[in-house]
PDB file of N, CA and C in Angstrom:
ATOM      1  N   MET A   1     -12.013 -15.486   5.401  1.00  0.00           N
ATOM      2  CA  MET A   1     -10.715 -14.862   5.597  1.00  0.00           C
ATOM      3  C   MET A   1      -9.943 -14.825   4.275  1.00  0.00           C
ATOM      4  N   LEU A   2     -10.060 -15.895   3.500  1.00  0.00           N
ATOM      5  CA  LEU A   2      -9.378 -15.958   2.214  1.00  0.00           C
ATOM      6  C   LEU A   2      -9.893 -14.883   1.261  1.00  0.00           C
ATOM      7  N   LEU A   3     -11.203 -14.680   1.255  1.00  0.00           N
ATOM      8  CA  LEU A   3     -11.783 -13.647   0.384  1.00  0.00           C
ATOM      9  C   LEU A   3     -11.323 -12.250   0.805  1.00  0.00           C
ATOM     10  N   ALA A   4     -11.241 -11.986   2.095  1.00  0.00           N
ATOM     11  CA  ALA A   4     -10.759 -10.693   2.574  1.00  0.00           C
ATOM     12  C   ALA A   4      -9.321 -10.474   2.130  1.00  0.00           C
ATOM     13  N   GLY A   5      -8.514 -11.515   2.206  1.00  0.00           N
ATOM     14  CA  GLY A   5      -7.129 -11.428   1.740  1.00  0.00           C
ATOM     15  C   GLY A   5      -7.048 -11.186   0.243  1.00  0.00           C
ATOM     16  N   ALA A   6      -7.930 -11.850  -0.505  1.00  0.00           N
ATOM     17  CA  ALA A   6      -7.949 -11.662  -1.958  1.00  0.00           C
ATOM     18  C   ALA A   6      -8.338 -10.228  -2.318  1.00  0.00           C
ATOM     19  N   VAL A   7      -9.306  -9.670  -1.593  1.00  0.00           N
ATOM     20  CA  VAL A   7      -9.706  -8.278  -1.839  1.00  0.00           C
ATOM     21  C   VAL A   7      -8.551  -7.341  -1.489  1.00  0.00           C
ATOM     22  N   ALA A   8      -7.815  -7.638  -0.426  1.00  0.00           N
ATOM     23  CA  ALA A   8      -6.669  -6.803  -0.047  1.00  0.00           C
ATOM     24  C   ALA A   8      -5.590  -6.838  -1.138  1.00  0.00           C
ATOM     25  N   VAL A   9      -5.347  -8.017  -1.700  1.00  0.00           N
ATOM     26  CA  VAL A   9      -4.369  -8.139  -2.797  1.00  0.00           C
ATOM     27  C   VAL A   9      -4.853  -7.362  -4.020  1.00  0.00           C
ATOM     28  N   LEU A  10      -6.137  -7.501  -4.353  1.00  0.00           N
ATOM     29  CA  LEU A  10      -6.716  -6.744  -5.466  1.00  0.00           C
ATOM     30  C   LEU A  10      -6.583  -5.243  -5.209  1.00  0.00           C
ATOM     31  N   HIS A  11      -6.849  -4.838  -3.978  1.00  0.00           N
ATOM     32  CA  HIS A  11      -6.765  -3.429  -3.619  1.00  0.00           C
ATOM     33  C   HIS A  11      -5.342  -2.910  -3.817  1.00  0.00           C
ATOM     34  N   GLY A  12      -4.378  -3.689  -3.358  1.00  0.00           N
ATOM     35  CA  GLY A  12      -2.979  -3.312  -3.559  1.00  0.00           C
ATOM     36  C   GLY A  12      -2.630  -3.203  -5.037  1.00  0.00           C
ATOM     37  N   ALA A  13      -3.149  -4.129  -5.831  1.00  0.00           N
ATOM     38  CA  ALA A  13      -2.900  -4.093  -7.279  1.00  0.00           C
ATOM     39  C   ALA A  13      -3.518  -2.850  -7.913  1.00  0.00           C
ATOM     40  N   VAL A  14      -4.714  -2.482  -7.475  1.00  0.00           N
ATOM     41  CA  VAL A  14      -5.372  -1.281  -8.009  1.00  0.00           C
ATOM     42  C   VAL A  14      -4.546  -0.037  -7.658  1.00  0.00           C
ATOM     43  N   VAL A  15      -4.072   0.038  -6.420  1.00  0.00           N
ATOM     44  CA  VAL A  15      -3.259   1.185  -6.006  1.00  0.00           C
ATOM     45  C   VAL A  15      -1.983   1.252  -6.843  1.00  0.00           C
ATOM     46  N   LEU A  16      -1.287   0.136  -6.994  1.00  0.00           N
ATOM     47  CA  LEU A  16      -0.059   0.125  -7.801  1.00  0.00           C
ATOM     48  C   LEU A  16      -0.340   0.479  -9.256  1.00  0.00           C
ATOM     49  N   PHE A  17      -1.442  -0.041  -9.796  1.00  0.00           N
ATOM     50  CA  PHE A  17      -1.806   0.266 -11.177  1.00  0.00           C
ATOM     51  C   PHE A  17      -2.145   1.739 -11.335  1.00  0.00           C
ATOM     52  N   MET A  18      -2.849   2.291 -10.354  1.00  0.00           N
ATOM     53  CA  MET A  18      -3.189   3.719 -10.411  1.00  0.00           C
ATOM     54  C   MET A  18      -1.909   4.562 -10.416  1.00  0.00           C
ATOM     55  N   LEU A  19      -0.915   4.140  -9.639  1.00  0.00           N
ATOM     56  CA  LEU A  19       0.328   4.902  -9.559  1.00  0.00           C
ATOM     57  C   LEU A  19       1.206   4.729 -10.794  1.00  0.00           C
ATOM     58  N   THR A  20       1.253   3.539 -11.349  1.00  0.00           N
ATOM     59  CA  THR A  20       2.224   3.243 -12.410  1.00  0.00           C
ATOM     60  C   THR A  20       1.612   3.045 -13.793  1.00  0.00           C
ATOM     61  N   GLY A  21       0.293   3.016 -13.891  1.00  0.00           N
ATOM     62  CA  GLY A  21      -0.354   2.714 -15.168  1.00  0.00           C
ATOM     63  C   GLY A  21       0.023   3.652 -16.297  1.00  0.00           C
ATOM     64  N   ALA A  22       0.132   4.942 -16.008  1.00  0.00           N
ATOM     65  CA  ALA A  22       0.497   5.896 -17.066  1.00  0.00           C
ATOM     66  C   ALA A  22       1.918   5.636 -17.560  1.00  0.00           C
ATOM     67  N   LEU A  23       2.797   5.251 -16.649  1.00  0.00           N
ATOM     68  CA  LEU A  23       4.171   4.935 -17.053  1.00  0.00           C
ATOM     69  C   LEU A  23       4.217   3.611 -17.813  1.00  0.00           C
ATOM     70  N   LEU A  24       3.421   2.637 -17.398  1.00  0.00           N
ATOM     71  CA  LEU A  24       3.345   1.368 -18.118  1.00  0.00           C
ATOM     72  C   LEU A  24       2.779   1.570 -19.524  1.00  0.00           C
ATOM     73  N   ALA A  25       1.919   2.557 -19.670  1.00  0.00           N
ATOM     74  CA  ALA A  25       1.327   2.842 -20.979  1.00  0.00           C
ATOM     75  C   ALA A  25       2.357   3.371 -21.967  1.00  0.00           C
ATOM     76  N   LEU A  26       3.491   3.806 -21.486  1.00  0.00           N
ATOM     77  CA  LEU A  26       4.566   4.187 -22.404  1.00  0.00           C
ATOM     78  C   LEU A  26       5.039   2.967 -23.192  1.00  0.00           C
ATOM     79  N   ARG A  27       4.987   1.810 -22.559  1.00  0.00           N
ATOM     80  CA  ARG A  27       5.372   0.562 -23.220  1.00  0.00           C
ATOM     81  C   ARG A  27       4.188  -0.076 -23.934  1.00  0.00           C
ATOM     82  N   TRP A  28       3.019  -0.018 -23.289  1.00  0.00           N
ATOM     83  CA  TRP A  28       1.795  -0.620 -23.829  1.00  0.00           C
ATOM     84  C   TRP A  28       0.723   0.461 -23.907  1.00  0.00           C
ATOM     85  N   PRO A  29       0.695   1.254 -24.981  1.00  0.00           N
ATOM     86  CA  PRO A  29      -0.184   2.426 -25.072  1.00  0.00           C
ATOM     87  C   PRO A  29      -1.678   2.130 -24.877  1.00  0.00           C
ATOM     88  N   ARG A  30      -2.141   0.975 -25.267  1.00  0.00           N
ATOM     89  CA  ARG A  30      -3.572   0.667 -25.115  1.00  0.00           C
ATOM     90  C   ARG A  30      -3.980   0.525 -23.649  1.00  0.00           C
ATOM     91  N   LEU A  31      -2.997   0.417 -22.760  1.00  0.00           N
ATOM     92  CA  LEU A  31      -3.279   0.320 -21.331  1.00  0.00           C
ATOM     93  C   LEU A  31      -3.962   1.582 -20.809  1.00  0.00           C
ATOM     94  N   VAL A  32      -3.806   2.679 -21.533  1.00  0.00           N
ATOM     95  CA  VAL A  32      -4.470   3.934 -21.160  1.00  0.00           C
ATOM     96  C   VAL A  32      -5.985   3.742 -21.086  1.00  0.00           C
ATOM     97  N   LEU A  33      -6.514   2.882 -21.951  1.00  0.00           N
ATOM     98  CA  LEU A  33      -7.954   2.646 -21.977  1.00  0.00           C
ATOM     99  C   LEU A  33      -8.465   2.044 -20.661  1.00  0.00           C
ATOM    100  N   LEU A  34      -7.620   1.353 -19.944  1.00  0.00           N
ATOM    101  CA  LEU A  34      -7.979   0.812 -18.634  1.00  0.00           C
ATOM    102  C   LEU A  34      -7.521   1.750 -17.517  1.00  0.00           C
ATOM    103  N   HIS A  35      -6.320   2.312 -17.664  1.00  0.00           N
ATOM    104  CA  HIS A  35      -5.759   3.123 -16.588  1.00  0.00           C
ATOM    105  C   HIS A  35      -6.528   4.417 -16.349  1.00  0.00           C
ATOM    106  N   ALA A  36      -6.872   5.119 -17.404  1.00  0.00           N
ATOM    107  CA  ALA A  36      -7.532   6.421 -17.236  1.00  0.00           C
ATOM    108  C   ALA A  36      -8.815   6.312 -16.407  1.00  0.00           C
ATOM    109  N   PRO A  37      -9.731   5.379 -16.716  1.00  0.00           N
ATOM    110  CA  PRO A  37     -10.935   5.295 -15.882  1.00  0.00           C
ATOM    111  C   PRO A  37     -10.638   4.855 -14.445  1.00  0.00           C
ATOM    112  N   VAL A  38      -9.675   3.961 -14.262  1.00  0.00           N
ATOM    113  CA  VAL A  38      -9.325   3.523 -12.904  1.00  0.00           C
ATOM    114  C   VAL A  38      -8.768   4.705 -12.108  1.00  0.00           C
ATOM    115  N   ALA A  39      -7.837   5.444 -12.705  1.00  0.00           N
ATOM    116  CA  ALA A  39      -7.231   6.589 -12.016  1.00  0.00           C
ATOM    117  C   ALA A  39      -8.277   7.656 -11.699  1.00  0.00           C
ATOM    118  N   LEU A  40      -9.170   7.914 -12.639  1.00  0.00           N
ATOM    119  CA  LEU A  40     -10.214   8.906 -12.390  1.00  0.00           C
ATOM    120  C   LEU A  40     -11.180   8.452 -11.290  1.00  0.00           C
ATOM    121  N   ALA A  41     -11.507   7.166 -11.261  1.00  0.00           N
ATOM    122  CA  ALA A  41     -12.396   6.649 -10.217  1.00  0.00           C
ATOM    123  C   ALA A  41     -11.742   6.753  -8.846  1.00  0.00           C
ATOM    124  N   VAL A  42     -10.467   6.394  -8.758  1.00  0.00           N
ATOM    125  CA  VAL A  42      -9.738   6.497  -7.491  1.00  0.00           C
ATOM    126  C   VAL A  42      -9.673   7.950  -7.044  1.00  0.00           C
ATOM    127  N   LEU A  43      -9.372   8.836  -7.975  1.00  0.00           N
ATOM    128  CA  LEU A  43      -9.304  10.262  -7.654  1.00  0.00           C
ATOM    129  C   LEU A  43     -10.666  10.781  -7.185  1.00  0.00           C
ATOM    130  N   ALA A  44     -11.730  10.387  -7.867  1.00  0.00           N
ATOM    131  CA  ALA A  44     -13.070  10.849  -7.496  1.00  0.00           C
ATOM    132  C   ALA A  44     -13.460  10.395  -6.094  1.00  0.00           C
ATOM    133  N   VAL A  45     -13.178   9.142  -5.770  1.00  0.00           N
ATOM    134  CA  VAL A  45     -13.497   8.620  -4.440  1.00  0.00           C
ATOM    135  C   VAL A  45     -12.719   9.400  -3.378  1.00  0.00           C
ATOM    136  N   ASN A  46     -11.436   9.642  -3.646  1.00  0.00           N
ATOM    137  CA  ASN A  46     -10.605  10.360  -2.680  1.00  0.00           C
ATOM    138  C   ASN A  46     -11.032  11.808  -2.514  1.00  0.00           C
ATOM    139  N   LEU A  47     -11.269  12.492  -3.613  1.00  0.00           N
ATOM    140  CA  LEU A  47     -11.654  13.898  -3.521  1.00  0.00           C
ATOM    141  C   LEU A  47     -13.032  14.071  -2.885  1.00  0.00           C
ATOM    142  N   ALA A  48     -13.908  13.105  -3.096  1.00  0.00           N
ATOM    143  CA  ALA A  48     -15.245  13.174  -2.502  1.00  0.00           C
ATOM    144  C   ALA A  48     -15.217  12.833  -1.015  1.00  0.00           C
ATOM    145  N   GLY A  49     -14.103  12.245  -0.567  1.00  0.00           N
ATOM    146  CA  GLY A  49     -14.021  11.835   0.827  1.00  0.00           C
ATOM    147  C   GLY A  49     -14.897  10.626   1.116  1.00  0.00           C
ATOM    148  N   ALA A  50     -15.274   9.935   0.067  1.00  0.00           N
ATOM    149  CA  ALA A  50     -16.133   8.752   0.208  1.00  0.00           C
ATOM    150  C   ALA A  50     -15.301   7.552   0.634  1.00  0.00           C
ATOM    151  N   PRO A  51     -15.923   6.596   1.291  1.00  0.00           N
ATOM    152  CA  PRO A  51     -15.185   5.380   1.631  1.00  0.00           C
ATOM    153  C   PRO A  51     -14.883   4.583   0.370  1.00  0.00           C
ATOM    154  N   CYS A  52     -13.703   4.014   0.325  1.00  0.00           N
ATOM    155  CA  CYS A  52     -13.314   3.209  -0.831  1.00  0.00           C
ATOM    156  C   CYS A  52     -14.152   1.933  -0.856  1.00  0.00           C
ATOM    157  N   PRO A  53     -14.750   1.602  -1.982  1.00  0.00           N
ATOM    158  CA  PRO A  53     -15.565   0.387  -2.056  1.00  0.00           C
ATOM    159  C   PRO A  53     -14.765  -0.885  -1.756  1.00  0.00           C
ATOM    160  N   LEU A  54     -13.499  -0.915  -2.151  1.00  0.00           N
ATOM    161  CA  LEU A  54     -12.693  -2.103  -1.872  1.00  0.00           C
ATOM    162  C   LEU A  54     -12.397  -2.235  -0.381  1.00  0.00           C
ATOM    163  N   THR A  55     -12.136  -1.113   0.284  1.00  0.00           N
ATOM    164  CA  THR A  55     -11.914  -1.150   1.732  1.00  0.00           C
ATOM    165  C   THR A  55     -13.190  -1.599   2.437  1.00  0.00           C
ATOM    166  N   THR A  56     -14.320  -1.055   2.020  1.00  0.00           N
ATOM    167  CA  THR A  56     -15.604  -1.430   2.614  1.00  0.00           C
ATOM    168  C   THR A  56     -15.856  -2.928   2.457  1.00  0.00           C
ATOM    169  N   LEU A  57     -15.601  -3.449   1.261  1.00  0.00           N
ATOM    170  CA  LEU A  57     -15.784  -4.880   1.010  1.00  0.00           C
ATOM    171  C   LEU A  57     -14.821  -5.706   1.860  1.00  0.00           C
ATOM    172  N   GLU A  58     -13.561  -5.316   1.893  1.00  0.00           N
ATOM    173  CA  GLU A  58     -12.575  -6.069   2.680  1.00  0.00           C
ATOM    174  C   GLU A  58     -12.950  -6.091   4.161  1.00  0.00           C
ATOM    175  N   LEU A  59     -13.349  -4.934   4.697  1.00  0.00           N
ATOM    176  CA  LEU A  59     -13.717  -4.882   6.120  1.00  0.00           C
ATOM    177  C   LEU A  59     -14.943  -5.738   6.415  1.00  0.00           C
ATOM    178  N   ALA A  60     -15.908  -5.751   5.497  1.00  0.00           N
ATOM    179  CA  ALA A  60     -17.093  -6.600   5.684  1.00  0.00           C
ATOM    180  C   ALA A  60     -16.701  -8.077   5.671  1.00  0.00           C
ATOM    181  N   LEU A  61     -15.801  -8.449   4.772  1.00  0.00           N
ATOM    182  CA  LEU A  61     -15.356  -9.840   4.711  1.00  0.00           C
ATOM    183  C   LEU A  61     -14.531 -10.215   5.941  1.00  0.00           C
ATOM    184  N   ARG A  62     -13.715  -9.278   6.417  1.00  0.00           N
ATOM    185  CA  ARG A  62     -12.948  -9.522   7.650  1.00  0.00           C
ATOM    186  C   ARG A  62     -13.899  -9.742   8.828  1.00  0.00           C
ATOM    187  N   GLU A  63     -14.945  -8.930   8.892  1.00  0.00           N
ATOM    188  CA  GLU A  63     -15.918  -9.055   9.982  1.00  0.00           C
ATOM    189  C   GLU A  63     -16.612 -10.419   9.936  1.00  0.00           C
ATOM    190  N   ARG A  64     -17.014 -10.828   8.737  1.00  0.00           N
ATOM    191  CA  ARG A  64     -17.674 -12.133   8.583  1.00  0.00           C
ATOM    192  C   ARG A  64     -16.759 -13.285   8.965  1.00  0.00           C
ATOM    193  N   ALA A  65     -15.438 -13.083   8.783  1.00  0.00           N
ATOM    194  CA  ALA A  65     -14.469 -14.123   9.129  1.00  0.00           C
ATOM    195  C   ALA A  65     -14.057 -14.054  10.595  1.00  0.00           C
ATOM    196  N   GLY A  66     -14.587 -13.064  11.319  1.00  0.00           N
ATOM    197  CA  GLY A  66     -14.249 -12.931  12.726  1.00  0.00           C
ATOM    198  C   GLY A  66     -12.939 -12.200  12.980  1.00  0.00           C
ATOM    199  N   LEU A  67     -12.422 -11.533  11.961  1.00  0.00           N
ATOM    200  CA  LEU A  67     -11.177 -10.773  12.101  1.00  0.00           C
ATOM    201  C   LEU A  67     -11.493  -9.347  12.536  1.00  0.00           C
ATOM    202  N   PRO A  68     -10.575  -8.723  13.249  1.00  0.00           N
ATOM    203  CA  PRO A  68     -10.834  -7.350  13.682  1.00  0.00           C
ATOM    204  C   PRO A  68     -10.735  -6.371  12.507  1.00  0.00           C
ATOM    205  N   PRO A  69     -11.535  -5.317  12.534  1.00  0.00           N
ATOM    206  CA  PRO A  69     -11.413  -4.292  11.490  1.00  0.00           C
ATOM    207  C   PRO A  69     -10.160  -3.454  11.737  1.00  0.00           C
ATOM    208  N   TYR A  70      -9.829  -2.636  10.774  1.00  0.00           N
ATOM    209  CA  TYR A  70      -8.721  -1.706  10.954  1.00  0.00           C
ATOM    210  C   TYR A  70      -9.192  -0.308  10.645  1.00  0.00           C
ATOM    211  N   ASP A  71      -8.484   0.662  11.201  1.00  0.00           N
ATOM    212  CA  ASP A  71      -8.800   2.078  10.977  1.00  0.00           C
ATOM    213  C   ASP A  71      -7.803   2.673   9.995  1.00  0.00           C
ATOM    214  N   GLY A  72      -8.160   3.796   9.426  1.00  0.00           N
ATOM    215  CA  GLY A  72      -7.226   4.530   8.575  1.00  0.00           C
ATOM    216  C   GLY A  72      -7.239   4.130   7.125  1.00  0.00           C
ATOM    217  N   GLY A  73      -8.179   3.296   6.722  1.00  0.00           N
ATOM    218  CA  GLY A  73      -8.257   2.900   5.324  1.00  0.00           C
ATOM    219  C   GLY A  73      -7.142   1.946   4.948  1.00  0.00           C
ATOM    220  N   PHE A  74      -7.175   1.511   3.709  1.00  0.00           N
ATOM    221  CA  PHE A  74      -6.228   0.516   3.215  1.00  0.00           C
ATOM    222  C   PHE A  74      -4.790   1.014   3.298  1.00  0.00           C
ATOM    223  N   LEU A  75      -4.523   2.211   2.761  1.00  0.00           N
ATOM    224  CA  LEU A  75      -3.153   2.721   2.788  1.00  0.00           C
ATOM    225  C   LEU A  75      -2.670   2.981   4.207  1.00  0.00           C
ATOM    226  N   GLY A  76      -3.566   3.460   5.052  1.00  0.00           N
ATOM    227  CA  GLY A  76      -3.197   3.671   6.442  1.00  0.00           C
ATOM    228  C   GLY A  76      -2.826   2.371   7.125  1.00  0.00           C
ATOM    229  N   HIS A  77      -3.563   1.314   6.820  1.00  0.00           N
ATOM    230  CA  HIS A  77      -3.330   0.005   7.437  1.00  0.00           C
ATOM    231  C   HIS A  77      -2.091  -0.689   6.875  1.00  0.00           C
ATOM    232  N   VAL A  78      -1.942  -0.653   5.547  1.00  0.00           N
ATOM    233  CA  VAL A  78      -0.894  -1.435   4.892  1.00  0.00           C
ATOM    234  C   VAL A  78       0.424  -0.675   4.745  1.00  0.00           C
ATOM    235  N   LEU A  79       0.347   0.621   4.503  1.00  0.00           N
ATOM    236  CA  LEU A  79       1.566   1.374   4.205  1.00  0.00           C
ATOM    237  C   LEU A  79       1.940   2.372   5.293  1.00  0.00           C
ATOM    238  N   PHE A  80       1.068   3.305   5.578  1.00  0.00           N
ATOM    239  CA  PHE A  80       1.432   4.399   6.478  1.00  0.00           C
ATOM    240  C   PHE A  80       1.540   3.971   7.935  1.00  0.00           C
ATOM    241  N   GLY A  81       0.617   3.140   8.404  1.00  0.00           N
ATOM    242  CA  GLY A  81       0.658   2.672   9.787  1.00  0.00           C
ATOM    243  C   GLY A  81       1.969   1.984  10.128  1.00  0.00           C
ATOM    244  N   PRO A  82       2.393   0.989   9.331  1.00  0.00           N
ATOM    245  CA  PRO A  82       3.673   0.331   9.623  1.00  0.00           C
ATOM    246  C   PRO A  82       4.880   1.280   9.563  1.00  0.00           C
ATOM    247  N   LEU A  83       4.762   2.348   8.793  1.00  0.00           N
ATOM    248  CA  LEU A  83       5.853   3.333   8.726  1.00  0.00           C
ATOM    249  C   LEU A  83       5.769   4.358   9.847  1.00  0.00           C
ATOM    250  N   GLY A  84       4.709   4.279  10.646  1.00  0.00           N
ATOM    251  CA  GLY A  84       4.541   5.212  11.756  1.00  0.00           C
ATOM    252  C   GLY A  84       3.997   6.563  11.323  1.00  0.00           C
ATOM    253  N   LEU A  85       3.365   6.621  10.155  1.00  0.00           N
ATOM    254  CA  LEU A  85       2.805   7.867   9.648  1.00  0.00           C
ATOM    255  C   LEU A  85       1.300   7.903   9.888  1.00  0.00           C
ATOM    256  N   ASP A  86       0.793   9.079  10.163  1.00  0.00           N
ATOM    257  CA  ASP A  86      -0.645   9.271  10.343  1.00  0.00           C
ATOM    258  C   ASP A  86      -1.258   9.566   8.983  1.00  0.00           C
ATOM    259  N   VAL A  87      -2.134   8.684   8.520  1.00  0.00           N
ATOM    260  CA  VAL A  87      -2.737   8.827   7.200  1.00  0.00           C
ATOM    261  C   VAL A  87      -3.555  10.109   7.085  1.00  0.00           C
ATOM    262  N   ALA A  88      -4.074  10.614   8.205  1.00  0.00           N
ATOM    263  CA  ALA A  88      -4.901  11.823   8.177  1.00  0.00           C
ATOM    264  C   ALA A  88      -4.077  13.106   8.268  1.00  0.00           C
ATOM    265  N   ALA A  89      -2.787  12.990   8.534  1.00  0.00           N
ATOM    266  CA  ALA A  89      -1.944  14.184   8.659  1.00  0.00           C
ATOM    267  C   ALA A  89      -1.827  14.887   7.307  1.00  0.00           C
ATOM    268  N   THR A  90      -1.823  16.197   7.352  1.00  0.00           N
ATOM    269  CA  THR A  90      -1.746  16.991   6.118  1.00  0.00           C
ATOM    270  C   THR A  90      -0.519  16.632   5.299  1.00  0.00           C
ATOM    271  N   VAL A  91       0.612  16.486   5.941  1.00  0.00           N
ATOM    272  CA  VAL A  91       1.845  16.187   5.204  1.00  0.00           C
ATOM    273  C   VAL A  91       1.756  14.826   4.505  1.00  0.00           C
ATOM    274  N   THR A  92       1.099  13.861   5.140  1.00  0.00           N
ATOM    275  CA  THR A  92       0.927  12.547   4.522  1.00  0.00           C
ATOM    276  C   THR A  92      -0.013  12.654   3.329  1.00  0.00           C
ATOM    277  N   GLN A  93      -1.091  13.385   3.480  1.00  0.00           N
ATOM    278  CA  GLN A  93      -2.035  13.572   2.389  1.00  0.00           C
ATOM    279  C   GLN A  93      -1.389  14.293   1.212  1.00  0.00           C
ATOM    280  N   VAL A  94      -0.663  15.367   1.498  1.00  0.00           N
ATOM    281  CA  VAL A  94       0.015  16.120   0.431  1.00  0.00           C
ATOM    282  C   VAL A  94       1.033  15.230  -0.269  1.00  0.00           C
ATOM    283  N   GLY A  95       1.780  14.457   0.504  1.00  0.00           N
ATOM    284  CA  GLY A  95       2.761  13.549  -0.088  1.00  0.00           C
ATOM    285  C   GLY A  95       2.110  12.499  -0.967  1.00  0.00           C
ATOM    286  N   THR A  96       1.009  11.949  -0.510  1.00  0.00           N
ATOM    287  CA  THR A  96       0.293  10.919  -1.269  1.00  0.00           C
ATOM    288  C   THR A  96      -0.200  11.471  -2.599  1.00  0.00           C
ATOM    289  N   TYR A  97      -0.863  12.627  -2.546  1.00  0.00           N
ATOM    290  CA  TYR A  97      -1.369  13.231  -3.786  1.00  0.00           C
ATOM    291  C   TYR A  97      -0.228  13.682  -4.698  1.00  0.00           C
ATOM    292  N   THR A  98       0.855  14.164  -4.133  1.00  0.00           N
ATOM    293  CA  THR A  98       2.001  14.598  -4.944  1.00  0.00           C
ATOM    294  C   THR A  98       2.594  13.420  -5.707  1.00  0.00           C
ATOM    295  N   VAL A  99       2.792  12.303  -5.025  1.00  0.00           N
ATOM    296  CA  VAL A  99       3.337  11.117  -5.693  1.00  0.00           C
ATOM    297  C   VAL A  99       2.372  10.625  -6.769  1.00  0.00           C
ATOM    298  N   ALA A 100       1.100  10.487  -6.413  1.00  0.00           N
ATOM    299  CA  ALA A 100       0.115   9.957  -7.364  1.00  0.00           C
ATOM    300  C   ALA A 100      -0.039  10.869  -8.578  1.00  0.00           C
ATOM    301  N   LEU A 101      -0.252  12.157  -8.331  1.00  0.00           N
ATOM    302  CA  LEU A 101      -0.430  13.090  -9.449  1.00  0.00           C
ATOM    303  C   LEU A 101       0.862  13.274 -10.231  1.00  0.00           C
ATOM    304  N   GLY A 102       1.987  13.276  -9.540  1.00  0.00           N
ATOM    305  CA  GLY A 102       3.275  13.445 -10.214  1.00  0.00           C
ATOM    306  C   GLY A 102       3.577  12.308 -11.168  1.00  0.00           C
ATOM    307  N   LEU A 103       3.400  11.070 -10.722  1.00  0.00           N
ATOM    308  CA  LEU A 103       3.665   9.923 -11.587  1.00  0.00           C
ATOM    309  C   LEU A 103       2.714   9.903 -12.782  1.00  0.00           C
ATOM    310  N   ASN A 104       1.450  10.232 -12.537  1.00  0.00           N
ATOM    311  CA  ASN A 104       0.489  10.249 -13.641  1.00  0.00           C
ATOM    312  C   ASN A 104       0.750  11.401 -14.603  1.00  0.00           C
ATOM    313  N   ALA A 105       1.083  12.562 -14.082  1.00  0.00           N
ATOM    314  CA  ALA A 105       1.408  13.701 -14.955  1.00  0.00           C
ATOM    315  C   ALA A 105       2.638  13.387 -15.802  1.00  0.00           C
ATOM    316  N   LEU A 106       3.642  12.765 -15.197  1.00  0.00           N
ATOM    317  CA  LEU A 106       4.841  12.389 -15.948  1.00  0.00           C
ATOM    318  C   LEU A 106       4.493  11.401 -17.052  1.00  0.00           C
ATOM    319  N   GLY A 107       3.771  10.345 -16.703  1.00  0.00           N
ATOM    320  CA  GLY A 107       3.434   9.330 -17.695  1.00  0.00           C
ATOM    321  C   GLY A 107       2.586   9.870 -18.825  1.00  0.00           C
ATOM    322  N   TYR A 108       1.509  10.592 -18.485  1.00  0.00           N
ATOM    323  CA  TYR A 108       0.641  11.128 -19.534  1.00  0.00           C
ATOM    324  C   TYR A 108       1.323  12.250 -20.310  1.00  0.00           C
ATOM    325  N   GLY A 109       2.172  13.016 -19.651  1.00  0.00           N
ATOM    326  CA  GLY A 109       2.937  14.045 -20.364  1.00  0.00           C
ATOM    327  C   GLY A 109       3.860  13.433 -21.402  1.00  0.00           C
ATOM    328  N   LEU A 110       4.548  12.368 -21.012  1.00  0.00           N
ATOM    329  CA  LEU A 110       5.425  11.678 -21.964  1.00  0.00           C
ATOM    330  C   LEU A 110       4.630  11.032 -23.090  1.00  0.00           C
ATOM    331  N   LEU A 111       3.458  10.493 -22.764  1.00  0.00           N
ATOM    332  CA  LEU A 111       2.610   9.916 -23.817  1.00  0.00           C
ATOM    333  C   LEU A 111       2.158  10.979 -24.808  1.00  0.00           C
ATOM    334  N   LEU A 112       1.763  12.139 -24.295  1.00  0.00           N
ATOM    335  CA  LEU A 112       1.333  13.224 -25.184  1.00  0.00           C
ATOM    336  C   LEU A 112       2.494  13.740 -26.026  1.00  0.00           C
ATOM    337  N   ALA A 113       3.655  13.888 -25.410  1.00  0.00           N
ATOM    338  CA  ALA A 113       4.826  14.356 -26.150  1.00  0.00           C
ATOM    339  C   ALA A 113       5.232  13.363 -27.238  1.00  0.00           C
ATOM    340  N   ARG A 114       5.105  12.114 -26.955  1.00  0.00           N
ATOM    341  CA  ARG A 114       5.443  11.071 -27.917  1.00  0.00           C
ATOM    342  C   ARG A 114       4.483  11.092 -29.111  1.00  0.00           C
ATOM    343  N   GLY A 115       3.230  11.441 -28.847  1.00  0.00           N
ATOM    344  CA  GLY A 115       2.217  11.428 -29.896  1.00  0.00           C
ATOM    345  C   GLY A 115       2.267  12.620 -30.822  1.00  0.00           C
ATOM    346  N   ARG A 116       2.972  13.671 -30.425  1.00  0.00           N
ATOM    347  CA  ARG A 116       3.058  14.883 -31.275  1.00  0.00           C
ATOM    348  C   ARG A 116       4.079  14.683 -32.385  1.00  0.00           C
ATOM    349  N   PRO A 117       3.752  15.165 -33.561  1.00  0.00           N
ATOM    350  CA  PRO A 117       4.728  15.087 -34.654  1.00  0.00           C
ATOM    351  C   PRO A 117       5.905  16.017 -34.368  1.00  0.00           C
ATOM    352  N   ARG A 118       7.064  15.570 -34.761  1.00  0.00           N
ATOM    353  CA  ARG A 118       8.281  16.352 -34.525  1.00  0.00           C
ATOM    354  C   ARG A 118       8.458  17.382 -35.635  1.00  0.00           C
ATOM    355  N   ALA A 119       8.977  18.559 -35.267  1.00  0.00           N
ATOM    356  CA  ALA A 119       9.166  19.624 -36.247  1.00  0.00           C
ATOM    357  C   ALA A 119      10.425  19.400 -37.069  1.00  0.00           C
TER     358      ALA A 119
END
């Protein structure tokens, strides 16, 4: 049960890092070297419709501990479900991608603008 909880905490950290890493890189530019591959991996898993490896691991650990599994993936279980939102609904999906892509576009856009020489 402890390992399943640890994976859930790690999963939450990965999600937060994916959302905020580009903005954090404004303060710590070398963070891009870690954030870019993480963000691309998360995006690839989502666009492929593949199960998240962290969710799969957490559910397997929950099962081994005798805990019930959950439906709707990590975000559906931790964020959207408690808010009463359907993770599979189009509006929820569009909102999720808009927030994720918007924050990353803002962060990387500001990083690129900062790196250009001023006229």
